[in-house]
Amino acid sequence: MSDPDSEPEPPGFSSQEAAALRSVGCQRKVPAQTILCQEGAATRSFFVLTSGKVEIGKIILGQPVALRDSGPGSVLGLMPASDGSPCSVSIRTLEETTFIEVTPESLIASLQNNSETCIDLGIALTIQAIRGLRRSTDDLALAIYRALRAPKGPAVVVDLAQVQAGNIAWLAA
């Protein structure tokens, strides 16, 4: 594990929010090809990238498909970590990646302490989730429109999988 003070703050988070993230989570650095979240498996953590890049992928028609990349400032896996549902996609690092790993339990415990900084962090994460869901809704509407206008086939499935990928990796705004 690296010295937290030497690592960059995740884009989209204030320095106070980044400090709160580090206080409730564990900063980790992992090599390329590390699986953070496996499609179909449960996860008990979500991840905020501070450096590096990850690939979000899914098995479509029996084949692995890379749907999108995501980088610093991304919040990954918040929904499956929070509600206990299986991951709808897989997330693996493409290069050495640093992130803050947070469990919902540690976040909730910090919010119960009524620390203003932790409450601000909770609000920031909530706003990111709302913005991510709005983008996913827009993406879903576009994917449905394309599906209705195009012949059925793998392209439609990939369009819909892209919506899932966007729903699991939210960029800080």
Protein backbone atom coordinates (compact mmCIF):
# COMPACT_ATOMS: atom_id res chain seq x y z
CA MET A 1 0.00 0.00 0.00
CA SER A 2 1.22 3.47 -0.87
CA ASP A 3 1.50 6.59 1.24
CA PRO A 4 -1.95 8.26 0.87
CA ASP A 5 -0.40 11.73 0.85
CA SER A 6 1.68 10.89 -2.23
CA GLU A 7 -1.28 9.74 -4.33
CA PRO A 8 -3.38 12.10 -6.44
CA GLU A 9 -6.88 12.97 -5.34
CA PRO A 10 -9.64 11.48 -7.44
CA PRO A 11 -10.94 14.07 -9.92
CA GLY A 12 -14.38 15.41 -9.06
CA PHE A 13 -13.83 15.18 -5.31
CA SER A 14 -12.80 18.07 -3.09
CA SER A 15 -9.70 17.59 -0.97
CA GLN A 16 -11.96 17.18 2.09
CA GLU A 17 -14.07 14.54 0.32
CA ALA A 18 -10.91 12.72 -0.82
CA ALA A 19 -9.63 12.77 2.78
CA ALA A 20 -13.00 11.40 3.95
CA LEU A 21 -12.81 8.65 1.31
CA ARG A 22 -9.36 7.68 2.52
CA SER A 23 -10.53 7.69 6.15
CA VAL A 24 -13.43 5.30 5.45
CA GLY A 25 -11.68 3.19 2.83
CA CYS A 26 -8.42 1.49 2.09
CA GLN A 27 -6.08 2.84 -0.56
CA ARG A 28 -4.71 0.08 -2.78
CA LYS A 29 -2.39 -0.17 -5.75
CA VAL A 30 -2.74 -3.22 -7.97
CA PRO A 31 -1.04 -4.40 -11.16
CA ALA A 32 -2.59 -4.60 -14.62
CA GLN A 33 -5.05 -7.44 -15.21
CA THR A 34 -6.38 -7.41 -11.64
CA ILE A 35 -10.10 -8.25 -11.45
CA LEU A 36 -11.95 -5.79 -9.20
CA CYS A 37 -15.43 -7.09 -9.88
CA GLN A 38 -16.48 -10.28 -11.70
CA GLU A 39 -19.72 -10.43 -13.70
CA GLY A 40 -22.25 -12.52 -11.80
CA ALA A 41 -20.35 -12.40 -8.49
CA ALA A 42 -21.24 -10.36 -5.44
CA THR A 43 -18.91 -7.64 -4.21
CA ARG A 44 -18.75 -6.04 -0.78
CA SER A 45 -16.72 -3.02 -1.89
CA PHE A 46 -16.90 -0.15 -4.31
CA PHE A 47 -13.88 1.59 -5.78
CA VAL A 48 -12.90 5.19 -6.46
CA LEU A 49 -10.03 5.37 -8.96
CA THR A 50 -7.22 7.79 -8.21
CA SER A 51 -4.89 6.70 -11.02
CA GLY A 52 -4.75 4.13 -13.78
CA LYS A 53 -7.38 2.72 -16.08
CA VAL A 54 -9.90 -0.12 -15.94
CA GLU A 55 -11.87 -1.97 -18.58
CA ILE A 56 -15.53 -2.76 -18.11
CA GLY A 57 -16.61 -5.87 -19.95
CA LYS A 58 -19.38 -8.41 -20.23
CA ILE A 59 -19.95 -11.85 -21.69
CA ILE A 60 -22.25 -11.34 -24.68
CA LEU A 61 -23.45 -14.27 -26.76
CA GLY A 62 -20.83 -16.41 -25.04
CA GLN A 63 -17.89 -14.11 -25.85
CA PRO A 64 -16.11 -11.54 -23.65
CA VAL A 65 -16.69 -8.00 -24.94
CA ALA A 66 -14.86 -4.87 -23.75
CA LEU A 67 -17.56 -2.22 -23.40
CA ARG A 68 -15.65 0.83 -22.17
CA ASP A 69 -12.63 2.08 -20.26
CA SER A 70 -12.77 4.24 -17.17
CA GLY A 71 -10.11 6.26 -15.37
CA PRO A 72 -9.38 8.49 -12.39
CA GLY A 73 -12.40 9.90 -10.59
CA SER A 74 -14.62 6.97 -11.54
CA VAL A 75 -16.78 5.39 -8.87
CA LEU A 76 -17.02 1.70 -9.71
CA GLY A 77 -19.43 -0.90 -8.36
CA LEU A 78 -21.34 1.32 -5.94
CA MET A 79 -24.73 -0.27 -6.68
CA PRO A 80 -23.81 -3.95 -6.37
CA ALA A 81 -21.72 -3.24 -3.26
CA SER A 82 -24.60 -1.32 -1.70
CA ASP A 83 -27.52 -3.61 -2.49
CA GLY A 84 -25.76 -6.99 -2.53
CA SER A 85 -26.78 -7.83 -6.09
CA PRO A 86 -24.31 -9.59 -8.37
CA CYS A 87 -22.11 -7.44 -10.60
CA SER A 88 -23.69 -7.02 -14.03
CA VAL A 89 -20.26 -6.54 -15.66
CA SER A 90 -16.63 -7.37 -14.95
CA ILE A 91 -14.04 -4.73 -14.11
CA ARG A 92 -10.33 -5.36 -14.58
CA THR A 93 -7.34 -3.06 -14.50
CA LEU A 94 -5.61 -2.31 -17.79
CA GLU A 95 -2.51 -0.87 -16.13
CA GLU A 96 -1.19 -0.39 -12.63
CA THR A 97 -4.12 1.25 -10.89
CA THR A 98 -4.59 2.99 -7.58
CA PHE A 99 -8.00 3.24 -5.97
CA ILE A 100 -9.74 3.73 -2.68
CA GLU A 101 -11.75 0.65 -1.74
CA VAL A 102 -14.78 1.39 0.44
CA THR A 103 -17.36 -0.91 1.99
CA PRO A 104 -20.90 0.37 2.43
CA GLU A 105 -20.64 -0.52 6.13
CA SER A 106 -17.62 1.74 6.66
CA LEU A 107 -19.31 4.58 4.76
CA ILE A 108 -22.52 4.23 6.78
CA ALA A 109 -20.56 4.10 10.04
CA SER A 110 -18.78 7.35 9.13
CA LEU A 111 -22.08 9.02 8.23
CA GLN A 112 -23.53 8.01 11.60
CA ASN A 113 -20.73 9.95 13.29
CA ASN A 114 -22.29 13.12 11.80
CA SER A 115 -18.93 14.40 10.62
CA GLU A 116 -19.62 17.28 8.23
CA THR A 117 -16.91 16.07 5.85
CA CYS A 118 -18.31 12.53 5.76
CA ILE A 119 -21.82 13.89 5.23
CA ASP A 120 -20.46 15.98 2.33
CA LEU A 121 -18.87 12.81 0.94
CA GLY A 122 -22.19 10.96 1.23
CA ILE A 123 -23.91 13.79 -0.62
CA ALA A 124 -21.20 13.81 -3.33
CA LEU A 125 -21.57 10.04 -3.86
CA THR A 126 -25.36 10.35 -3.97
CA ILE A 127 -25.16 13.12 -6.58
CA GLN A 128 -22.76 11.01 -8.66
CA ALA A 129 -25.16 8.08 -8.45
CA ILE A 130 -28.09 10.24 -9.56
CA ARG A 131 -26.10 11.70 -12.46
CA GLY A 132 -24.90 8.23 -13.45
CA LEU A 133 -28.45 6.88 -13.42
CA ARG A 134 -29.64 9.82 -15.52
CA ARG A 135 -26.89 9.20 -18.10
CA SER A 136 -27.81 5.50 -18.11
CA THR A 137 -31.47 6.36 -18.67
CA ASP A 138 -30.50 8.55 -21.64
CA ASP A 139 -28.24 5.78 -22.98
CA LEU A 140 -31.04 3.24 -22.54
CA ALA A 141 -33.51 5.43 -24.44
CA LEU A 142 -31.01 5.75 -27.31
CA ALA A 143 -30.28 2.00 -27.30
CA ILE A 144 -34.01 1.20 -27.42
CA TYR A 145 -34.51 3.67 -30.26
CA ARG A 146 -31.66 2.06 -32.22
CA ALA A 147 -32.99 -1.42 -31.44
CA LEU A 148 -36.42 -0.53 -32.78
CA ARG A 149 -34.99 0.93 -35.99
CA ALA A 150 -32.32 -1.66 -36.72
CA PRO A 151 -32.42 -5.35 -37.57
CA LYS A 152 -32.11 -7.55 -34.54
CA GLY A 153 -28.70 -8.98 -33.84
CA PRO A 154 -25.52 -8.71 -31.77
CA ALA A 155 -25.26 -4.92 -32.23
CA VAL A 156 -28.49 -4.44 -30.26
CA VAL A 157 -27.19 -6.64 -27.45
CA VAL A 158 -23.93 -4.68 -27.32
CA ASP A 159 -25.83 -1.37 -27.23
CA LEU A 160 -27.81 -2.57 -24.23
CA ALA A 161 -24.66 -3.91 -22.54
CA GLN A 162 -23.08 -0.46 -22.98
CA VAL A 163 -25.90 0.90 -20.82
CA GLN A 164 -24.96 -1.57 -18.08
CA ALA A 165 -21.32 -0.57 -18.34
CA GLY A 166 -22.21 3.08 -17.97
CA ASN A 167 -24.37 2.28 -15.00
CA ILE A 168 -21.53 0.68 -13.04
CA ALA A 169 -18.77 3.24 -13.70
CA TRP A 170 -19.75 6.76 -12.78
CA LEU A 171 -17.36 9.57 -13.50
CA ALA A 172 -17.07 12.33 -10.97
CA ALA A 173 -18.71 15.48 -12.31
